[in-house]
Every structure is written in C-alpha cells, then in structure tokens.
Amino acid sequence: MNGNNNESAQLSNFFNSQMGRMTRVFYQHQRKGNLPIQNADEFVCLIEAHDPELCSFFDILFRSMNPNETRQQLKQKVMMLCYQMAALRNKQVSGAKAAIGLYMTGTGTSTAGINTLSNMGISATYQTVYNNKKKIVAAHEQSVQKYISDN
C-alpha cells in the first residue's frame, strides 16, 4: 500500500510541476499580446519550444484520453483542456476564454448565455468580451486611419 501512495505522490508532483510550467508558457505568450493558438500541432510546438521539460506532456494527456475518437478532434479537445487547467491555476491566462466569448457573441449567444459559460469557467464574462470588442474596433479604426494617411 505504501508503494501506491508513493507513486500517487510522484504522479501528483509531476502533474503539478508540468501544469505550473504550462501555465507560465501560456501566461508569457499572452503577455506578449499573442492570441491563443488554435492548431493543436502549433500548440505542442509552442509549449515544447518555450519549456523543453514539457516535451511529451501533451502526448501523455493525449494518450490518456479516449482513443476511439478521431485523432485531430481529440487533439483539439486536449488542447482546450490544457488552456482550461492553466486558467484554473492563474486567472491571468484567459486568452482562450476571451476567444471563446468573442466567438459566442459572434454566433448570437445572449449575454446570459455567455455569463453562464463564464460561471462554468469556459468563457470570459460578457462585459470582458464587450470591452475586448471595443478595443478591437478602436485598433481597427486606427489601422485604417494610418493606412489612409500613409497612402
């Protein structure tokens, strides 16, 4: 029985360490103004390039899931799971939630629907999404004005 407790502790420590590393990678990526990566292969390259200790961690998670699903669909789900787990560790890692909220407003989801997703930890709040949309519009207007003045 003692061996199982030791293995559980080692697995817990490994998982905790890897999640901390992955959270730091996402936080640094987001702090540089980058959007969340939506392609699973590019996602793996990002985490492994920024922290070599994360090599194969995504594959460990991937292999532990249901292998009967299509591989690409499962990769996308594991990628979203990684973003969600990192956001649980650090509320500043919110780029994926903001992207989901922005997408949901684009599909016509109500304010209450978006806030419900936010309460579930899946999306940013409607107010956060609205504020991000205002920033996007302002940045677009500035880039159009700059283009017009340059040409």
C-alpha atoms as a PDB file:
ATOM      1  CA  MET A   1       0.000   0.000   0.000  1.00  0.00           C
ATOM      2  CA  ASN A   2       2.875   2.360   0.773  1.00  0.00           C
ATOM      3  CA  GLY A   3       4.207   1.917  -2.772  1.00  0.00           C
ATOM      4  CA  ASN A   4       0.893   3.091  -4.244  1.00  0.00           C
ATOM      5  CA  ASN A   5       0.914   6.204  -2.056  1.00  0.00           C
ATOM      6  CA  ASN A   6       4.470   6.964  -3.155  1.00  0.00           C
ATOM      7  CA  GLU A   7       3.548   6.501  -6.833  1.00  0.00           C
ATOM      8  CA  SER A   8       0.483   8.712  -6.367  1.00  0.00           C
ATOM      9  CA  ALA A   9       2.593  11.397  -4.722  1.00  0.00           C
ATOM     10  CA  GLN A  10       5.172  11.234  -7.515  1.00  0.00           C
ATOM     11  CA  LEU A  11       2.467  11.444 -10.184  1.00  0.00           C
ATOM     12  CA  SER A  12       0.814  14.338  -8.372  1.00  0.00           C
ATOM     13  CA  ASN A  13       4.128  16.192  -8.078  1.00  0.00           C
ATOM     14  CA  PHE A  14       4.917  15.566 -11.757  1.00  0.00           C
ATOM     15  CA  PHE A  15       1.485  16.748 -12.885  1.00  0.00           C
ATOM     16  CA  ASN A  16       1.619  19.811 -10.622  1.00  0.00           C
ATOM     17  CA  SER A  17       5.074  20.717 -11.952  1.00  0.00           C
ATOM     18  CA  GLN A  18       4.026  20.286 -15.584  1.00  0.00           C
ATOM     19  CA  MET A  19       0.850  22.338 -15.092  1.00  0.00           C
ATOM     20  CA  GLY A  20       2.891  25.117 -13.489  1.00  0.00           C
ATOM     21  CA  ARG A  21       5.302  25.102 -16.425  1.00  0.00           C
ATOM     22  CA  MET A  22       2.495  25.078 -18.978  1.00  0.00           C
ATOM     23  CA  THR A  23       0.689  27.908 -17.186  1.00  0.00           C
ATOM     24  CA  ARG A  24       3.874  30.022 -17.302  1.00  0.00           C
ATOM     25  CA  VAL A  25       4.246  29.375 -21.043  1.00  0.00           C
ATOM     26  CA  PHE A  26       0.635  30.453 -21.693  1.00  0.00           C
ATOM     27  CA  TYR A  27       0.980  33.491 -19.439  1.00  0.00           C
ATOM     28  CA  GLN A  28       4.166  34.670 -21.154  1.00  0.00           C
ATOM     29  CA  HIS A  29       2.672  34.012 -24.604  1.00  0.00           C
ATOM     30  CA  GLN A  30      -0.438  36.017 -23.720  1.00  0.00           C
ATOM     31  CA  ARG A  31       1.541  38.845 -22.045  1.00  0.00           C
ATOM     32  CA  LYS A  32       3.330  39.410 -25.362  1.00  0.00           C
ATOM     33  CA  GLY A  33      -0.064  40.153 -26.925  1.00  0.00           C
ATOM     34  CA  ASN A  34      -0.387  36.822 -28.716  1.00  0.00           C
ATOM     35  CA  LEU A  35      -3.755  35.187 -29.223  1.00  0.00           C
ATOM     36  CA  PRO A  36      -4.314  31.608 -28.059  1.00  0.00           C
ATOM     37  CA  ILE A  37      -3.116  29.055 -30.592  1.00  0.00           C
ATOM     38  CA  GLN A  38      -5.957  27.074 -32.116  1.00  0.00           C
ATOM     39  CA  ASN A  39      -3.964  24.486 -34.064  1.00  0.00           C
ATOM     40  CA  ALA A  40      -3.006  21.529 -31.859  1.00  0.00           C
ATOM     41  CA  ASP A  41       0.313  20.877 -33.633  1.00  0.00           C
ATOM     42  CA  GLU A  42       1.372  24.548 -33.327  1.00  0.00           C
ATOM     43  CA  PHE A  43       0.227  24.431 -29.690  1.00  0.00           C
ATOM     44  CA  VAL A  44       2.545  21.494 -28.947  1.00  0.00           C
ATOM     45  CA  CYS A  45       5.417  23.297 -30.692  1.00  0.00           C
ATOM     46  CA  LEU A  46       4.787  26.406 -28.558  1.00  0.00           C
ATOM     47  CA  ILE A  47       4.831  24.652 -25.203  1.00  0.00           C
ATOM     48  CA  GLU A  48       7.776  22.413 -26.068  1.00  0.00           C
ATOM     49  CA  ALA A  49       9.840  25.248 -27.589  1.00  0.00           C
ATOM     50  CA  HIS A  50       9.322  27.519 -24.583  1.00  0.00           C
ATOM     51  CA  ASP A  51       9.936  24.817 -21.986  1.00  0.00           C
ATOM     52  CA  PRO A  52      11.758  21.625 -23.026  1.00  0.00           C
ATOM     53  CA  GLU A  53      10.605  19.975 -19.771  1.00  0.00           C
ATOM     54  CA  LEU A  54       7.115  19.949 -21.321  1.00  0.00           C
ATOM     55  CA  CYS A  55       8.224  17.694 -24.179  1.00  0.00           C
ATOM     56  CA  SER A  56       5.797  14.784 -24.376  1.00  0.00           C
ATOM     57  CA  PHE A  57       3.442  16.149 -21.664  1.00  0.00           C
ATOM     58  CA  PHE A  58       0.772  16.885 -24.276  1.00  0.00           C
ATOM     59  CA  ASP A  59       1.248  13.374 -25.655  1.00  0.00           C
ATOM     60  CA  ILE A  60       0.807  11.899 -22.175  1.00  0.00           C
ATOM     61  CA  LEU A  61      -2.511  13.722 -21.823  1.00  0.00           C
ATOM     62  CA  PHE A  62      -3.493  12.815 -25.373  1.00  0.00           C
ATOM     63  CA  ARG A  63      -2.795   9.105 -24.900  1.00  0.00           C
ATOM     64  CA  SER A  64      -4.742   9.043 -21.626  1.00  0.00           C
ATOM     65  CA  MET A  65      -7.956  10.127 -23.372  1.00  0.00           C
ATOM     66  CA  ASN A  66     -10.463   8.079 -25.363  1.00  0.00           C
ATOM     67  CA  PRO A  67      -8.504   6.685 -28.331  1.00  0.00           C
ATOM     68  CA  ASN A  68     -11.692   5.870 -30.272  1.00  0.00           C
ATOM     69  CA  GLU A  69     -12.324   9.483 -31.263  1.00  0.00           C
ATOM     70  CA  THR A  70     -10.749  10.902 -34.367  1.00  0.00           C
ATOM     71  CA  ARG A  71      -7.200  11.882 -33.545  1.00  0.00           C
ATOM     72  CA  GLN A  72      -7.449  15.511 -34.682  1.00  0.00           C
ATOM     73  CA  GLN A  73     -10.701  16.134 -32.819  1.00  0.00           C
ATOM     74  CA  LEU A  74      -9.193  14.611 -29.686  1.00  0.00           C
ATOM     75  CA  LYS A  75      -6.058  16.779 -30.058  1.00  0.00           C
ATOM     76  CA  GLN A  76      -8.260  19.896 -30.163  1.00  0.00           C
ATOM     77  CA  LYS A  77     -10.095  18.782 -27.013  1.00  0.00           C
ATOM     78  CA  VAL A  78      -6.873  18.057 -25.125  1.00  0.00           C
ATOM     79  CA  MET A  79      -5.528  21.461 -26.211  1.00  0.00           C
ATOM     80  CA  MET A  80      -8.641  23.182 -24.785  1.00  0.00           C
ATOM     81  CA  LEU A  81      -8.287  21.102 -21.620  1.00  0.00           C
ATOM     82  CA  CYS A  82      -4.722  22.406 -21.224  1.00  0.00           C
ATOM     83  CA  TYR A  83      -5.903  26.003 -21.583  1.00  0.00           C
ATOM     84  CA  GLN A  84      -8.689  25.404 -19.038  1.00  0.00           C
ATOM     85  CA  MET A  85      -6.372  23.782 -16.484  1.00  0.00           C
ATOM     86  CA  ALA A  86      -3.840  26.598 -16.851  1.00  0.00           C
ATOM     87  CA  ALA A  87      -6.601  29.176 -16.349  1.00  0.00           C
ATOM     88  CA  LEU A  88      -7.590  27.431 -13.117  1.00  0.00           C
ATOM     89  CA  ARG A  89      -4.021  27.917 -11.854  1.00  0.00           C
ATOM     90  CA  ASN A  90      -3.670  31.529 -12.989  1.00  0.00           C
ATOM     91  CA  LYS A  91      -6.609  33.802 -13.756  1.00  0.00           C
ATOM     92  CA  GLN A  92      -4.356  35.924 -15.990  1.00  0.00           C
ATOM     93  CA  VAL A  93      -4.213  33.046 -18.507  1.00  0.00           C
ATOM     94  CA  SER A  94      -7.541  33.989 -20.034  1.00  0.00           C
ATOM     95  CA  GLY A  95      -6.866  34.327 -23.752  1.00  0.00           C
ATOM     96  CA  ALA A  96      -8.709  31.139 -24.671  1.00  0.00           C
ATOM     97  CA  LYS A  97     -11.714  32.148 -22.569  1.00  0.00           C
ATOM     98  CA  ALA A  98     -11.769  35.571 -24.234  1.00  0.00           C
ATOM     99  CA  ALA A  99     -11.601  33.961 -27.683  1.00  0.00           C
ATOM    100  CA  ILE A 100     -14.470  31.615 -26.817  1.00  0.00           C
ATOM    101  CA  GLY A 101     -16.550  34.528 -25.519  1.00  0.00           C
ATOM    102  CA  LEU A 102     -15.838  36.559 -28.641  1.00  0.00           C
ATOM    103  CA  TYR A 103     -16.831  33.613 -30.809  1.00  0.00           C
ATOM    104  CA  MET A 104     -20.033  33.102 -28.816  1.00  0.00           C
ATOM    105  CA  THR A 105     -21.079  36.747 -29.261  1.00  0.00           C
ATOM    106  CA  GLY A 106     -20.493  36.325 -32.984  1.00  0.00           C
ATOM    107  CA  THR A 107     -22.867  33.365 -33.060  1.00  0.00           C
ATOM    108  CA  GLY A 108     -25.591  35.389 -31.368  1.00  0.00           C
ATOM    109  CA  THR A 109     -25.327  33.903 -27.886  1.00  0.00           C
ATOM    110  CA  SER A 110     -27.155  36.055 -25.340  1.00  0.00           C
ATOM    111  CA  THR A 111     -25.492  37.968 -22.522  1.00  0.00           C
ATOM    112  CA  ALA A 112     -26.960  35.482 -20.038  1.00  0.00           C
ATOM    113  CA  GLY A 113     -25.636  32.561 -22.105  1.00  0.00           C
ATOM    114  CA  ILE A 114     -22.112  33.976 -22.198  1.00  0.00           C
ATOM    115  CA  ASN A 115     -22.176  34.749 -18.476  1.00  0.00           C
ATOM    116  CA  THR A 116     -23.382  31.193 -17.795  1.00  0.00           C
ATOM    117  CA  LEU A 117     -20.402  29.858 -19.766  1.00  0.00           C
ATOM    118  CA  SER A 118     -18.201  32.217 -17.738  1.00  0.00           C
ATOM    119  CA  ASN A 119     -19.590  30.863 -14.466  1.00  0.00           C
ATOM    120  CA  MET A 120     -18.720  27.374 -15.720  1.00  0.00           C
ATOM    121  CA  GLY A 121     -15.136  28.554 -16.380  1.00  0.00           C
ATOM    122  CA  ILE A 122     -15.427  28.135 -20.157  1.00  0.00           C
ATOM    123  CA  SER A 123     -15.658  31.739 -21.343  1.00  0.00           C
ATOM    124  CA  ALA A 124     -14.894  35.274 -20.268  1.00  0.00           C
ATOM    125  CA  THR A 125     -17.824  37.317 -18.947  1.00  0.00           C
ATOM    126  CA  TYR A 126     -19.977  39.254 -21.385  1.00  0.00           C
ATOM    127  CA  GLN A 127     -18.573  42.548 -20.028  1.00  0.00           C
ATOM    128  CA  THR A 128     -14.997  41.386 -20.665  1.00  0.00           C
ATOM    129  CA  VAL A 129     -15.935  40.277 -24.186  1.00  0.00           C
ATOM    130  CA  TYR A 130     -17.682  43.608 -24.823  1.00  0.00           C
ATOM    131  CA  ASN A 131     -14.614  45.533 -23.618  1.00  0.00           C
ATOM    132  CA  ASN A 132     -12.367  43.411 -25.873  1.00  0.00           C
ATOM    133  CA  LYS A 133     -14.653  44.078 -28.841  1.00  0.00           C
ATOM    134  CA  LYS A 134     -14.371  47.831 -28.199  1.00  0.00           C
ATOM    135  CA  LYS A 135     -10.559  47.528 -28.177  1.00  0.00           C
ATOM    136  CA  ILE A 136     -10.621  45.546 -31.432  1.00  0.00           C
ATOM    137  CA  VAL A 137     -12.834  48.152 -33.108  1.00  0.00           C
ATOM    138  CA  ALA A 138     -10.616  51.004 -31.892  1.00  0.00           C
ATOM    139  CA  ALA A 139      -7.453  49.245 -33.104  1.00  0.00           C
ATOM    140  CA  HIS A 140      -9.079  48.575 -36.474  1.00  0.00           C
ATOM    141  CA  GLU A 141     -10.124  52.210 -36.843  1.00  0.00           C
ATOM    142  CA  GLN A 142      -6.573  53.317 -36.045  1.00  0.00           C
ATOM    143  CA  SER A 143      -5.054  50.928 -38.579  1.00  0.00           C
ATOM    144  CA  VAL A 144      -7.480  52.110 -41.276  1.00  0.00           C
ATOM    145  CA  GLN A 145      -6.681  55.757 -40.491  1.00  0.00           C
ATOM    146  CA  LYS A 146      -2.948  55.003 -40.611  1.00  0.00           C
ATOM    147  CA  TYR A 147      -3.325  53.211 -43.943  1.00  0.00           C
ATOM    148  CA  ILE A 148      -5.296  56.128 -45.397  1.00  0.00           C
ATOM    149  CA  SER A 149      -2.801  58.715 -44.164  1.00  0.00           C
ATOM    150  CA  ASP A 150       0.170  56.684 -45.471  1.00  0.00           C
ATOM    151  CA  ASN A 151      -1.361  56.274 -48.919  1.00  0.00           C
END
